[in-house]
Amino acid sequence: MNKYLSDRTPLNRDTEDKRHPTCREREYQRELPAASVVLVFYNEALSVVLRTAFTVLKESDPRLIHEILLYDDCSTSDELKAPLERHIADYPKIRLVRARERGGLVKARLYSSREARGEVLLFLDAHCEPTPGWLEPLLEPIAKDRTAVTVPSLDDINWETLVYSGAETIYVIGGVNWLMNMLWAAIPDREQTRRQREDPYPITANLRTASMAGGLFAMDRKYFKELGEYDEGLGVWGGENMELSFKIWMCGGSMVMVPCSKVGHIFRPSHPYDFMGNTGDVVTRNYIRVARVWFDKELDFFFKIRPHFEHVHVGDISDRLAIREKLKCKSYAWFIKNIYPELPLQSDLIGAGEFKTEENGCMDTRGGDLQQSGALFLGPCNTNQGRNSNSNRFMMFTKDNKLMGLNFCCDSGYGEGLQFHTCHNQGGAQAFQYDAQTKQIRQNQGRCVTGDAAKQLVVMAECREGDKTQRWDFEYKYF
């Protein structure tokens, strides 16, 4: 980020009220629990850490701030030593705790939570700026239900210019795919209906979310401990947000995104964490460990997507399984069916894996299903080891007639070729039928999904009997 500019920007600069006007109409109960605002940092710019802490103080009712806990995960930067201590000396609510050795983000958050003394744990990244009225909307759901977890609305602070920008409300929720990636998904119709039914200001009503990004959230401190805190067996960073999301929902809690709590966040162009080793190994191991604890019978499908994951050693998980048993947590299938039904289970599928034509071309997302409007390509099929390096050729065909990558639905409404778009469940250009006899994937008007080798695309074309480019075999068949 632009440290030069940050160091020359006021530490308590004005923060504009970016909320939707209906947020200012809302009234919150006066008796709310006080929070320990926890800021974990490692070699962060001093000015950024201080601006986060000072902005929390400036934009919060002092009754609701028990403390601001700065947790230094063994930083080596000189400016985070004596200079930091001098800057906070006159602020009794700011408390500095220093780790004796580097633990990584997950362990630092775990250990800092044990140091916190407030009724509510409120984690923020150490490069944030809360805005007016941010705190009460996060605390009130917890005051009403101690098993509720709240997530603020994240706005962008440009990493180069430090200019703050953001929308007035939230238009997405946190979803999940079969590789356990957290993704941003359109608000489902069922959630829009609930908001309109239950709230006089539905556009800024809290949103139930299946997952969270993990950096910023609030929850009852004792409840966090009852749920087993963070998994201490996870490495530096990665997967802890999904583990906590699954645990909250499957073990009796709930989680909402809060449009009226707006917090600016510096999103940096490269990964800010030092992984103390091999990045890929740490993150991959974390995800597999979480899957082994929480996926139950669905673990088989997770390993079908990345076969080599099955042989990765993730350490002893008996304490995590014991927590599941003690809390009588529900199954992963329950989570999908009730919290995020946009993700199909194996029982919802007709086919999965490589979708191959009789001309030996395979559907290939080339990562296009990670974003809206990505094309569906035709490429060479995997060798036996190919899927260990990427999952671009893993497709799904559902019983309710959707052709999908791991994230989005194929849509034929944008020209000749298929594109990935949010699943809207309205049929039309996203509705396909598979004919097991002809092996064709059909749509209305006599069009079939076709592998066009010359264009290296999957396109819609007139159905032709016996055309090998329209005859698709599924690697895994569920019919």
Foldseek 3Di string as FASTA:
>chain_A
DALVVLVVDDLADADDQLADVVLVVDDFDPDWFAEAEEEEDAQDRLSQLSSAVNLCVVQDDVVRHQAHEYEYQPHPDPCCPVVSCVVCVPPVRYHYDYDPHHAADQVSVQVVLVVDDTQKYWFAYSRKHWHHPQPRLQTRVCVVPQLEKEFEAEWEQEPNPRDTDDHNFDQWAWDAFLLGDTATAGQAPVQLVVLVVPDPPSRQDWTWHLFDPPRTMMHGSVVCVLLPNFDSLAANDAQRRSLVSLSSVQLPGTYTYGGSNYMYGYDDPDDPDDRVDDPVLRHLLNSLLSCVQAAPPQVVVSCLQAVVSVVDDRDDCVVSNVSCVVSVTHHVVCSCVPPNVVHDGPVFFQFKAWKAFLVQWTWFQVCQQSDFFGFTFTHHDDDPNRSNVHRRRIWTAGPQAFTGGRHFTWFQPPPFTTHGDHDRVPDDRGGWDADPVQQWIDDPPQWTFFHDPVVRTTGIDHDDGPPRRGRIDGPDGDD
